[in-house]
Every structure is written in C-alpha cells, then in structure tokens.
C-alpha cells in the first residue's frame, strides 16, 4: 500500500496529474516533519510541500530502495535523482535554482490503520544536497 501511495499519489502529484489522496491517507493524517512550515502537521501542509517540491524539481527519478515493516509501522528507504530548476523554499532558508542534477535520499516512516496512512515522518538530505549544489 505505501509503495502504491508513493507511485500513484506522490509521484502523480509531482507530475501535476490527478490523484486520489483519499485512497491512501486517513482523513486525520498527521505529517510530522514539515520542511517548509515545521510547526504544522496536517494534510494541508503535506499538499503545500508537495507543490513546493513540484515547483523546485523536475525530471524526478524516485526509487524505493527497501521497505521494512513492524506492527503498524512501515519504513521506506528511498533515493532520487532530481533536476533543481526552481526556487526551493525551506524553514531553514530558501535556495535559488542551481540548474543542476542532484542526488538525494531519505527515510520515510508511515503508521498504518485500517488500510490508510495515519502518520508520516520524512527524514532526508534534500535541503543539504540542494544547498551544497548552490554553494559550488
């Protein structure tokens, strides 16, 4: 289910395609690690951050490298190759486009209940990778 969420919702959102959030996310889903607005933890923040990623990156090659599950938690270890073509807003500071291809990676932790994602935590090196490209 989480791999379907990544393939059929998250990537569709980044491509600007129609997608059905309700098919994957619980109505009261909590997003615990917002990049842009760290004080928020709700669905609207998840949507805003998806739009920001879509505006900052294109030619996204997202790979789920491995997944591990225990009880009602699932962890996805992922990596991606992205082209940084737009401004990247972040709570730690905005980064102007570098025009470079950047390799990024991270871990996403999901809590599942009744076939829906109820909680999402994302830890990644996206900001550091983009920032280091901007400093070159």
N, C-alpha and C. Protein backbone atom coordinates (compact mmCIF):
# COMPACT_ATOMS: atom_id res chain seq x y z
N UNK A 1 0.81 -1.18 0.00
CA UNK A 1 0.00 0.00 0.00
C UNK A 1 0.86 1.27 0.00
N UNK A 2 1.92 1.32 0.82
CA UNK A 2 2.76 2.52 0.86
C UNK A 2 3.47 2.71 -0.48
N UNK A 3 3.95 1.63 -1.08
CA UNK A 3 4.59 1.75 -2.39
C UNK A 3 3.59 2.29 -3.41
N UNK A 4 2.35 1.82 -3.36
CA UNK A 4 1.31 2.36 -4.23
C UNK A 4 1.11 3.85 -3.96
N UNK A 5 1.12 4.26 -2.68
CA UNK A 5 0.98 5.68 -2.33
C UNK A 5 2.10 6.49 -2.98
N UNK A 6 3.33 6.00 -2.87
CA UNK A 6 4.47 6.72 -3.44
C UNK A 6 4.34 6.77 -4.95
N UNK A 7 4.05 5.63 -5.59
CA UNK A 7 3.98 5.57 -7.04
C UNK A 7 2.76 6.29 -7.61
N UNK A 8 1.59 6.12 -6.97
CA UNK A 8 0.34 6.58 -7.55
C UNK A 8 -0.19 7.88 -6.98
N UNK A 9 0.31 8.34 -5.87
CA UNK A 9 -0.14 9.63 -5.33
C UNK A 9 1.00 10.64 -5.36
N UNK A 10 2.06 10.34 -4.65
CA UNK A 10 3.15 11.30 -4.51
C UNK A 10 3.75 11.66 -5.86
N UNK A 11 4.09 10.66 -6.67
CA UNK A 11 4.69 10.95 -7.97
C UNK A 11 3.68 11.62 -8.90
N UNK A 12 2.41 11.21 -8.85
CA UNK A 12 1.38 11.85 -9.66
C UNK A 12 1.25 13.32 -9.28
N UNK A 13 1.31 13.61 -7.97
CA UNK A 13 1.24 14.99 -7.51
C UNK A 13 2.42 15.80 -8.06
N UNK A 14 3.62 15.23 -8.02
CA UNK A 14 4.80 15.94 -8.52
C UNK A 14 4.74 16.16 -10.02
N UNK A 15 4.07 15.25 -10.74
CA UNK A 15 3.93 15.40 -12.19
C UNK A 15 2.76 16.31 -12.56
N UNK A 16 1.96 16.74 -11.57
CA UNK A 16 0.80 17.58 -11.84
C UNK A 16 -0.39 16.82 -12.36
N UNK A 17 -0.42 15.50 -12.14
CA UNK A 17 -1.52 14.66 -12.59
C UNK A 17 -2.59 14.54 -11.50
N UNK A 18 -3.78 14.14 -11.92
CA UNK A 18 -4.85 13.89 -10.95
C UNK A 18 -4.45 12.71 -10.07
N UNK A 19 -4.84 12.79 -8.79
CA UNK A 19 -4.54 11.70 -7.87
C UNK A 19 -5.59 11.71 -6.76
N UNK A 20 -5.82 10.56 -6.18
CA UNK A 20 -6.85 10.40 -5.15
C UNK A 20 -6.21 10.24 -3.79
N UNK A 21 -6.10 11.35 -3.04
CA UNK A 21 -5.48 11.32 -1.72
C UNK A 21 -6.25 10.39 -0.80
N UNK A 22 -7.57 10.42 -0.90
CA UNK A 22 -8.41 9.62 -0.01
C UNK A 22 -8.17 8.13 -0.11
N UNK A 23 -7.64 7.69 -1.22
CA UNK A 23 -7.38 6.26 -1.39
C UNK A 23 -6.25 5.77 -0.48
N UNK A 24 -5.41 6.69 -0.01
CA UNK A 24 -4.23 6.29 0.75
C UNK A 24 -4.16 6.89 2.15
N UNK A 25 -4.63 8.11 2.31
CA UNK A 25 -4.45 8.81 3.57
C UNK A 25 -5.72 8.81 4.42
N UNK A 26 -5.56 8.59 5.72
CA UNK A 26 -6.68 8.71 6.64
C UNK A 26 -7.10 10.18 6.68
N UNK A 27 -8.38 10.46 6.94
CA UNK A 27 -8.83 11.85 6.98
C UNK A 27 -8.09 12.70 8.02
N UNK A 28 -7.62 12.07 9.09
CA UNK A 28 -6.92 12.80 10.15
C UNK A 28 -5.41 12.56 10.12
N UNK A 29 -4.86 12.30 8.93
CA UNK A 29 -3.43 12.02 8.80
C UNK A 29 -2.61 13.16 9.41
N UNK A 30 -1.51 12.79 10.06
CA UNK A 30 -0.59 13.77 10.64
C UNK A 30 0.73 13.69 9.88
N UNK A 31 1.22 14.84 9.48
CA UNK A 31 2.52 14.95 8.79
C UNK A 31 3.47 15.61 9.78
N UNK A 32 4.40 14.84 10.32
CA UNK A 32 5.17 15.27 11.48
C UNK A 32 6.47 16.01 11.18
N UNK A 33 6.95 16.01 9.96
CA UNK A 33 8.26 16.60 9.68
C UNK A 33 8.20 17.55 8.49
N UNK A 34 7.41 18.58 8.62
CA UNK A 34 7.27 19.55 7.54
C UNK A 34 8.60 20.28 7.29
N UNK A 35 8.96 20.42 6.02
CA UNK A 35 10.20 21.10 5.66
C UNK A 35 10.01 22.61 5.63
N UNK A 36 8.87 23.04 5.13
CA UNK A 36 8.65 24.46 4.91
C UNK A 36 8.12 25.13 6.16
N UNK A 37 7.14 24.51 6.78
CA UNK A 37 6.48 25.09 7.96
C UNK A 37 6.50 24.05 9.08
N UNK A 38 7.59 23.92 9.80
CA UNK A 38 7.73 22.84 10.77
C UNK A 38 6.73 22.85 11.91
N UNK A 39 6.00 23.94 12.11
CA UNK A 39 5.02 23.95 13.19
C UNK A 39 3.73 23.24 12.79
N UNK A 40 3.51 23.03 11.51
CA UNK A 40 2.27 22.41 11.04
C UNK A 40 2.45 20.91 10.88
N UNK A 41 1.36 20.17 11.10
CA UNK A 41 1.45 18.71 10.97
C UNK A 41 0.18 18.13 10.37
N UNK A 42 -0.40 18.80 9.39
CA UNK A 42 -1.68 18.34 8.86
C UNK A 42 -1.64 18.17 7.35
N UNK A 43 -2.73 17.68 6.80
CA UNK A 43 -2.80 17.35 5.39
C UNK A 43 -2.50 18.53 4.49
N UNK A 44 -2.96 19.73 4.85
CA UNK A 44 -2.71 20.90 4.01
C UNK A 44 -1.21 21.16 3.87
N UNK A 45 -0.47 20.95 4.94
CA UNK A 45 0.98 21.14 4.89
C UNK A 45 1.60 20.14 3.93
N UNK A 46 1.14 18.91 3.96
CA UNK A 46 1.63 17.87 3.05
C UNK A 46 1.40 18.31 1.60
N UNK A 47 0.23 18.87 1.31
CA UNK A 47 -0.09 19.34 -0.04
C UNK A 47 0.79 20.53 -0.43
N UNK A 48 0.96 21.49 0.47
CA UNK A 48 1.79 22.67 0.20
C UNK A 48 3.23 22.24 -0.08
N UNK A 49 3.74 21.31 0.70
CA UNK A 49 5.12 20.86 0.49
C UNK A 49 5.26 20.10 -0.81
N UNK A 50 4.25 19.31 -1.17
CA UNK A 50 4.28 18.63 -2.46
C UNK A 50 4.33 19.61 -3.61
N UNK A 51 3.54 20.68 -3.51
CA UNK A 51 3.55 21.73 -4.55
C UNK A 51 4.91 22.43 -4.60
N UNK A 52 5.52 22.67 -3.45
CA UNK A 52 6.84 23.31 -3.42
C UNK A 52 7.90 22.41 -4.07
N UNK A 53 7.83 21.12 -3.79
CA UNK A 53 8.78 20.18 -4.41
C UNK A 53 8.57 20.15 -5.92
N UNK A 54 7.31 20.14 -6.34
CA UNK A 54 6.99 20.13 -7.77
C UNK A 54 7.53 21.39 -8.45
N UNK A 55 7.48 22.54 -7.75
CA UNK A 55 7.98 23.77 -8.32
C UNK A 55 9.50 23.86 -8.35
N UNK A 56 10.15 23.17 -7.44
CA UNK A 56 11.61 23.25 -7.34
C UNK A 56 12.33 22.21 -8.20
N UNK A 57 11.70 21.07 -8.41
CA UNK A 57 12.38 19.96 -9.07
C UNK A 57 11.59 19.44 -10.26
N UNK A 58 12.31 18.95 -11.25
CA UNK A 58 11.68 18.26 -12.38
C UNK A 58 12.57 17.08 -12.77
N UNK A 59 12.10 16.31 -13.71
CA UNK A 59 12.83 15.10 -14.13
C UNK A 59 13.18 14.26 -12.91
N UNK A 60 12.17 13.95 -12.11
CA UNK A 60 12.36 13.24 -10.85
C UNK A 60 12.38 11.74 -11.10
N UNK A 61 13.45 11.11 -10.67
CA UNK A 61 13.56 9.65 -10.72
C UNK A 61 13.60 9.18 -9.27
N UNK A 62 12.43 8.85 -8.72
CA UNK A 62 12.31 8.42 -7.32
C UNK A 62 12.33 6.89 -7.26
N UNK A 63 13.17 6.37 -6.38
CA UNK A 63 13.30 4.92 -6.22
C UNK A 63 13.06 4.55 -4.76
N UNK A 64 12.25 3.53 -4.54
CA UNK A 64 12.11 2.96 -3.21
C UNK A 64 13.13 1.83 -3.14
N UNK A 65 14.19 2.04 -2.38
CA UNK A 65 15.30 1.09 -2.33
C UNK A 65 15.00 -0.12 -1.46
N UNK A 66 14.30 0.10 -0.36
CA UNK A 66 13.90 -1.02 0.51
C UNK A 66 12.80 -0.56 1.44
N UNK A 67 12.05 -1.53 1.93
CA UNK A 67 10.97 -1.25 2.87
C UNK A 67 11.05 -2.27 4.00
N UNK A 68 10.77 -1.80 5.22
CA UNK A 68 10.78 -2.67 6.40
C UNK A 68 9.51 -2.37 7.19
N UNK A 69 8.82 -3.43 7.62
CA UNK A 69 7.57 -3.25 8.36
C UNK A 69 7.64 -3.96 9.71
N UNK A 70 7.02 -3.33 10.70
CA UNK A 70 6.86 -3.94 12.02
C UNK A 70 5.59 -3.38 12.64
N UNK A 71 4.73 -4.26 13.12
CA UNK A 71 3.45 -3.87 13.69
C UNK A 71 2.70 -2.97 12.71
N UNK A 72 2.30 -1.78 13.13
CA UNK A 72 1.55 -0.89 12.24
C UNK A 72 2.44 0.19 11.61
N UNK A 73 3.75 -0.03 11.61
CA UNK A 73 4.69 0.92 11.01
C UNK A 73 5.37 0.32 9.80
N UNK A 74 5.66 1.17 8.82
CA UNK A 74 6.41 0.77 7.64
C UNK A 74 7.42 1.87 7.33
N UNK A 75 8.66 1.49 7.10
CA UNK A 75 9.71 2.43 6.75
C UNK A 75 10.12 2.21 5.30
N UNK A 76 10.21 3.29 4.55
CA UNK A 76 10.69 3.24 3.18
C UNK A 76 12.01 4.00 3.10
N UNK A 77 13.03 3.31 2.65
CA UNK A 77 14.33 3.94 2.37
C UNK A 77 14.30 4.27 0.89
N UNK A 78 14.47 5.55 0.55
CA UNK A 78 14.32 5.97 -0.83
C UNK A 78 15.49 6.83 -1.29
N UNK A 79 15.63 6.91 -2.58
CA UNK A 79 16.63 7.79 -3.18
C UNK A 79 16.02 8.38 -4.45
N UNK A 80 16.57 9.48 -4.90
CA UNK A 80 16.03 10.14 -6.09
C UNK A 80 17.12 10.95 -6.76
N UNK A 81 16.96 11.07 -8.05
CA UNK A 81 17.77 11.97 -8.85
C UNK A 81 16.80 13.03 -9.36
N UNK A 82 17.12 14.31 -9.12
CA UNK A 82 16.21 15.40 -9.48
C UNK A 82 16.99 16.52 -10.16
N UNK A 83 16.31 17.27 -10.99
CA UNK A 83 16.89 18.47 -11.60
C UNK A 83 16.34 19.67 -10.85
N UNK A 84 17.23 20.46 -10.23
CA UNK A 84 16.82 21.61 -9.42
C UNK A 84 16.63 22.81 -10.34
N UNK A 85 15.36 23.05 -10.75
CA UNK A 85 15.10 24.11 -11.73
C UNK A 85 14.32 25.29 -11.15
N UNK A 86 13.82 25.18 -9.93
CA UNK A 86 13.04 26.28 -9.34
C UNK A 86 13.49 26.56 -7.92
N UNK A 87 13.02 27.66 -7.38
CA UNK A 87 13.35 28.03 -6.01
C UNK A 87 12.85 26.97 -5.04
N UNK A 88 13.68 26.62 -4.04
CA UNK A 88 13.33 25.59 -3.07
C UNK A 88 13.11 26.23 -1.70
N UNK A 89 11.83 26.41 -1.31
CA UNK A 89 11.56 27.01 0.00
C UNK A 89 11.80 26.00 1.11
N UNK A 90 12.30 26.46 2.21
CA UNK A 90 12.58 25.57 3.34
C UNK A 90 12.57 26.41 4.60
N UNK A 91 12.20 25.79 5.72
CA UNK A 91 12.18 26.50 7.00
C UNK A 91 13.56 27.07 7.34
N UNK A 92 14.63 26.40 6.85
CA UNK A 92 15.99 26.85 7.15
C UNK A 92 16.49 27.90 6.16
N UNK A 93 15.71 28.21 5.16
CA UNK A 93 16.12 29.22 4.19
C UNK A 93 15.84 28.79 2.77
N UNK A 94 15.47 29.72 1.92
CA UNK A 94 15.15 29.41 0.53
C UNK A 94 16.43 29.31 -0.30
N UNK A 95 16.42 28.36 -1.25
CA UNK A 95 17.58 28.17 -2.12
C UNK A 95 17.14 28.40 -3.56
N UNK A 96 17.82 29.32 -4.22
CA UNK A 96 17.52 29.62 -5.61
C UNK A 96 17.95 28.46 -6.50
N UNK A 97 17.35 28.33 -7.68
CA UNK A 97 17.66 27.20 -8.56
C UNK A 97 19.13 27.16 -8.96
N UNK A 98 19.68 25.95 -8.96
CA UNK A 98 21.07 25.76 -9.36
C UNK A 98 21.18 25.30 -10.81
N UNK A 99 20.08 24.73 -11.35
CA UNK A 99 20.13 24.17 -12.69
C UNK A 99 20.84 22.83 -12.74
N UNK A 100 21.22 22.32 -11.58
CA UNK A 100 22.00 21.07 -11.52
C UNK A 100 21.11 19.87 -11.22
N UNK A 101 21.62 18.71 -11.61
CA UNK A 101 21.01 17.44 -11.23
C UNK A 101 21.58 17.09 -9.85
N UNK A 102 20.72 16.69 -8.93
CA UNK A 102 21.12 16.43 -7.55
C UNK A 102 20.64 15.03 -7.15
N UNK A 103 21.49 14.31 -6.44
CA UNK A 103 21.11 13.01 -5.87
C UNK A 103 20.71 13.23 -4.42
N UNK A 104 19.53 12.75 -4.05
CA UNK A 104 19.03 12.92 -2.69
C UNK A 104 18.55 11.57 -2.17
N UNK A 105 18.33 11.50 -0.88
CA UNK A 105 17.83 10.27 -0.29
C UNK A 105 17.24 10.52 1.07
N UNK A 106 16.58 9.50 1.59
CA UNK A 106 15.99 9.65 2.91
C UNK A 106 15.23 8.43 3.36
N UNK A 107 14.62 8.59 4.51
CA UNK A 107 13.77 7.56 5.11
C UNK A 107 12.42 8.19 5.40
N UNK A 108 11.38 7.46 5.08
CA UNK A 108 10.02 7.88 5.42
C UNK A 108 9.41 6.79 6.28
N UNK A 109 8.81 7.21 7.38
CA UNK A 109 8.16 6.28 8.30
C UNK A 109 6.66 6.54 8.23
N UNK A 110 5.89 5.47 8.05
CA UNK A 110 4.44 5.57 7.93
C UNK A 110 3.80 4.72 9.02
N UNK A 111 2.74 5.24 9.62
CA UNK A 111 1.89 4.44 10.52
C UNK A 111 0.61 4.16 9.75
N UNK A 112 0.18 2.90 9.80
CA UNK A 112 -1.00 2.46 9.06
C UNK A 112 -2.11 2.04 10.02
N UNK A 113 -3.35 2.34 9.64
CA UNK A 113 -4.53 1.89 10.39
C UNK A 113 -5.67 1.69 9.40
N UNK A 114 -6.27 0.52 9.45
CA UNK A 114 -7.43 0.22 8.60
C UNK A 114 -7.14 0.47 7.12
N UNK A 115 -5.94 0.12 6.68
CA UNK A 115 -5.59 0.26 5.27
C UNK A 115 -5.30 1.68 4.81
N UNK A 116 -5.13 2.61 5.75
CA UNK A 116 -4.83 4.00 5.41
C UNK A 116 -3.58 4.46 6.16
N UNK A 117 -2.90 5.44 5.60
CA UNK A 117 -1.74 6.05 6.26
C UNK A 117 -2.27 7.10 7.25
N UNK A 118 -1.90 6.94 8.52
CA UNK A 118 -2.38 7.87 9.55
C UNK A 118 -1.30 8.86 9.99
N UNK A 119 -0.03 8.51 9.82
CA UNK A 119 1.07 9.38 10.24
C UNK A 119 2.21 9.23 9.25
N UNK A 120 2.90 10.35 8.98
CA UNK A 120 4.05 10.34 8.08
C UNK A 120 5.17 11.17 8.71
N UNK A 121 6.37 10.57 8.75
CA UNK A 121 7.59 11.26 9.14
C UNK A 121 8.56 11.11 7.98
N UNK A 122 9.22 12.19 7.57
CA UNK A 122 10.17 12.12 6.47
C UNK A 122 11.49 12.74 6.93
N UNK A 123 12.55 11.98 6.77
CA UNK A 123 13.90 12.46 7.09
C UNK A 123 14.73 12.31 5.83
N UNK A 124 15.27 13.43 5.33
CA UNK A 124 16.01 13.35 4.08
C UNK A 124 17.15 14.36 4.05
N UNK A 125 17.97 14.21 3.03
CA UNK A 125 19.08 15.14 2.83
C UNK A 125 18.79 16.12 1.69
N UNK A 126 17.51 16.30 1.36
CA UNK A 126 17.16 17.15 0.22
C UNK A 126 17.71 18.56 0.39
N UNK A 127 17.45 19.19 1.54
CA UNK A 127 17.90 20.56 1.73
C UNK A 127 19.42 20.64 1.67
N UNK A 128 20.11 19.74 2.35
CA UNK A 128 21.58 19.75 2.34
C UNK A 128 22.14 19.52 0.94
N UNK A 129 21.54 18.57 0.20
CA UNK A 129 22.04 18.26 -1.14
C UNK A 129 21.84 19.45 -2.07
N UNK A 130 20.66 20.09 -2.01
CA UNK A 130 20.41 21.24 -2.87
C UNK A 130 21.29 22.41 -2.45
N UNK A 131 21.42 22.62 -1.15
CA UNK A 131 22.24 23.72 -0.65
C UNK A 131 23.71 23.54 -1.06
N UNK A 132 24.24 22.32 -0.97
CA UNK A 132 25.63 22.11 -1.37
C UNK A 132 25.82 22.35 -2.86
N UNK A 133 24.81 22.02 -3.67
CA UNK A 133 24.88 22.33 -5.10
C UNK A 133 24.86 23.82 -5.36
N UNK A 134 24.13 24.56 -4.52
CA UNK A 134 24.06 26.01 -4.68
C UNK A 134 25.35 26.69 -4.27
N UNK A 135 26.13 26.04 -3.42
CA UNK A 135 27.38 26.65 -2.92
C UNK A 135 28.57 26.40 -3.85
N UNK A 136 28.40 25.56 -4.83
CA UNK A 136 29.52 25.26 -5.74
C UNK A 136 29.86 26.41 -6.62
